[in-house]
Amino acid sequence: MSEALLLDTHVVIWWALGRDQLSDRASDAIRSIANKVFFSPVTAMEIVTKVRIGKLDFARPLASGFADQMVRHGFAELPLTAADAEMAGSFISTNNDPWDRLLAAQARLHGLALVTSDGRMSDFGVTIIW
C-alpha cells in the first residue's frame, strides 16, 4: 500500500546527511518506491534560519541549494499555501513552534503522513510515521 509522506525538518537533515537516527519504519517508508515523499519550504526556512543563528551548524550543507538537494534525493516540493498558514494559526495546542504548526497543517490539508520522531506532532491530528 502506498502512502504520501511529508518529512519533518529533523528527518530531512538526518536523511540528507546520512545520519543513522531514523527509525527502521521511517527509513523504510522513505525508501519505498511505492511512496511519494514531499519536503516543505518551511523546512528550508527552518534549516537556513537555525544555521544562520548558530543552532544547526552541522546542517550547513543544506542551507544552500536546499530544493535541488531534496529533488536529488527523489523528494517533491509541497508548496506552502495561505490555507496551510490559516490552519497552522488555528491549531489549539501547547506546541507553539511555528515550523511544527505549518508542517502539521500541510500534512493534514494534503492528506499526508508526517514522518517525525516528535510525538508532540500528534497533537495536531496528523498521522505520524516513526
Protein backbone atom coordinates (compact mmCIF):
# COMPACT_ATOMS: atom_id res chain seq x y z
CA MET A 1 0.00 0.00 0.00
CA SER A 2 1.43 3.37 -0.98
CA GLU A 3 1.45 6.48 1.15
CA ALA A 4 2.20 10.13 0.61
CA LEU A 5 4.70 11.39 3.18
CA LEU A 6 5.83 14.78 4.43
CA LEU A 7 9.22 14.88 6.15
CA ASP A 8 9.73 16.81 9.36
CA THR A 9 12.84 19.00 9.42
CA HIS A 10 14.96 16.71 11.60
CA VAL A 11 14.09 13.78 9.31
CA VAL A 12 15.24 15.73 6.24
CA ILE A 13 18.50 16.59 7.98
CA TRP A 14 19.17 13.05 9.19
CA TRP A 15 18.32 11.56 5.79
CA ALA A 16 20.30 14.06 3.70
CA LEU A 17 23.36 13.98 5.95
CA GLY A 18 23.36 10.18 6.21
CA ARG A 19 22.80 10.04 9.94
CA ASP A 20 21.55 6.81 11.44
CA GLN A 21 18.97 8.35 13.78
CA LEU A 22 15.95 7.40 11.68
CA SER A 23 13.80 4.53 12.85
CA ASP A 24 13.63 1.46 10.62
CA ARG A 25 9.98 2.18 9.89
CA ALA A 26 10.75 5.78 8.85
CA SER A 27 13.70 4.74 6.68
CA ASP A 28 11.69 2.00 5.01
CA ALA A 29 8.80 4.37 4.30
CA ILE A 30 11.11 6.98 2.74
CA ARG A 31 12.97 4.37 0.71
CA SER A 32 9.84 2.63 -0.60
CA ILE A 33 9.32 3.31 -4.28
CA ALA A 34 5.58 2.95 -3.65
CA ASN A 35 5.53 6.11 -1.52
CA LYS A 36 5.60 9.71 -2.72
CA VAL A 37 7.84 11.76 -0.42
CA PHE A 38 7.43 15.52 -0.01
CA PHE A 39 9.51 18.26 1.60
CA SER A 40 8.25 21.68 2.60
CA PRO A 41 9.66 25.17 2.07
CA VAL A 42 9.04 25.50 5.81
CA THR A 43 11.92 23.06 6.33
CA ALA A 44 14.21 25.16 4.14
CA MET A 45 13.43 28.26 6.20
CA GLU A 46 13.91 26.42 9.49
CA ILE A 47 17.28 24.99 8.46
CA VAL A 48 18.62 28.22 6.99
CA THR A 49 17.44 30.25 9.99
CA LYS A 50 18.92 27.87 12.53
CA VAL A 51 22.22 27.62 10.63
CA ARG A 52 22.38 31.43 10.48
CA ILE A 53 21.86 31.83 14.22
CA GLY A 54 24.29 29.04 15.10
CA LYS A 55 21.80 26.41 16.31
CA LEU A 56 22.32 23.91 13.47
CA ASP A 57 25.84 24.43 12.20
CA PHE A 58 26.21 20.75 11.27
CA ALA A 59 23.33 21.21 8.78
CA ARG A 60 25.18 23.99 6.92
CA PRO A 61 25.50 21.84 3.75
CA LEU A 62 21.70 22.00 3.43
CA ALA A 63 21.46 25.79 3.86
CA SER A 64 22.22 26.48 0.21
CA GLY A 65 20.59 24.85 -2.79
CA PHE A 66 18.14 23.07 -0.50
CA ALA A 67 15.42 22.36 -3.07
CA ASP A 68 17.88 20.96 -5.60
CA GLN A 69 19.34 18.66 -2.95
CA MET A 70 15.90 17.40 -1.98
CA VAL A 71 14.97 16.71 -5.60
CA ARG A 72 18.20 14.72 -5.99
CA HIS A 73 17.01 12.58 -3.08
CA GLY A 74 13.82 11.93 -5.03
CA PHE A 75 11.58 14.18 -2.93
CA ALA A 76 8.95 16.57 -4.31
CA GLU A 77 8.30 20.08 -3.05
CA LEU A 78 4.95 20.69 -1.36
CA PRO A 79 4.12 24.36 -1.84
CA LEU A 80 3.03 26.34 1.20
CA THR A 81 -0.40 27.92 0.80
CA ALA A 82 -2.45 30.51 2.64
CA ALA A 83 -4.83 27.69 3.65
CA ASP A 84 -1.87 25.89 5.26
CA ALA A 85 -0.95 29.05 7.19
CA GLU A 86 -4.54 29.62 8.26
CA MET A 87 -4.85 26.09 9.64
CA ALA A 88 -1.45 26.35 11.37
CA GLY A 89 -2.55 29.51 13.12
CA SER A 90 -5.85 27.98 14.23
CA PHE A 91 -4.48 24.87 15.96
CA ILE A 92 -5.25 24.66 19.67
CA SER A 93 -2.08 23.15 21.12
CA THR A 94 0.65 23.83 23.63
CA ASN A 95 3.13 23.35 20.78
CA ASN A 96 3.65 26.89 19.57
CA ASP A 97 6.63 26.15 17.30
CA PRO A 98 5.63 27.89 14.04
CA TRP A 99 7.54 25.40 11.89
CA ASP A 100 5.85 22.41 13.55
CA ARG A 101 2.46 24.05 13.18
CA LEU A 102 2.98 24.75 9.47
CA LEU A 103 4.27 21.25 8.72
CA ALA A 104 1.35 19.68 10.58
CA ALA A 105 -1.14 21.87 8.73
CA GLN A 106 0.38 20.91 5.39
CA ALA A 107 0.22 17.23 6.29
CA ARG A 108 -3.42 17.48 7.38
CA LEU A 109 -4.67 19.57 4.50
CA HIS A 110 -2.93 17.46 1.88
CA GLY A 111 -3.65 14.06 3.45
CA LEU A 112 -0.01 13.22 4.09
CA ALA A 113 1.54 11.13 6.84
CA LEU A 114 4.17 13.12 8.72
CA VAL A 115 7.49 11.35 9.20
CA THR A 116 8.75 12.57 12.56
CA SER A 117 10.16 11.39 15.86
CA ASP A 118 8.40 14.28 17.61
CA GLY A 119 5.46 12.78 19.48
CA ARG A 120 4.02 16.25 20.11
CA MET A 121 3.07 16.46 16.43
CA SER A 122 0.21 14.02 17.00
CA ASP A 123 -1.49 16.85 18.97
CA PHE A 124 -2.28 18.37 15.57
CA GLY A 125 -4.31 15.37 14.41
CA VAL A 126 -1.84 14.16 11.81
CA THR A 127 -0.84 10.59 11.03
CA ILE A 128 2.69 10.00 12.28
CA ILE A 129 5.20 7.55 10.89
CA TRP A 130 8.13 6.74 13.09
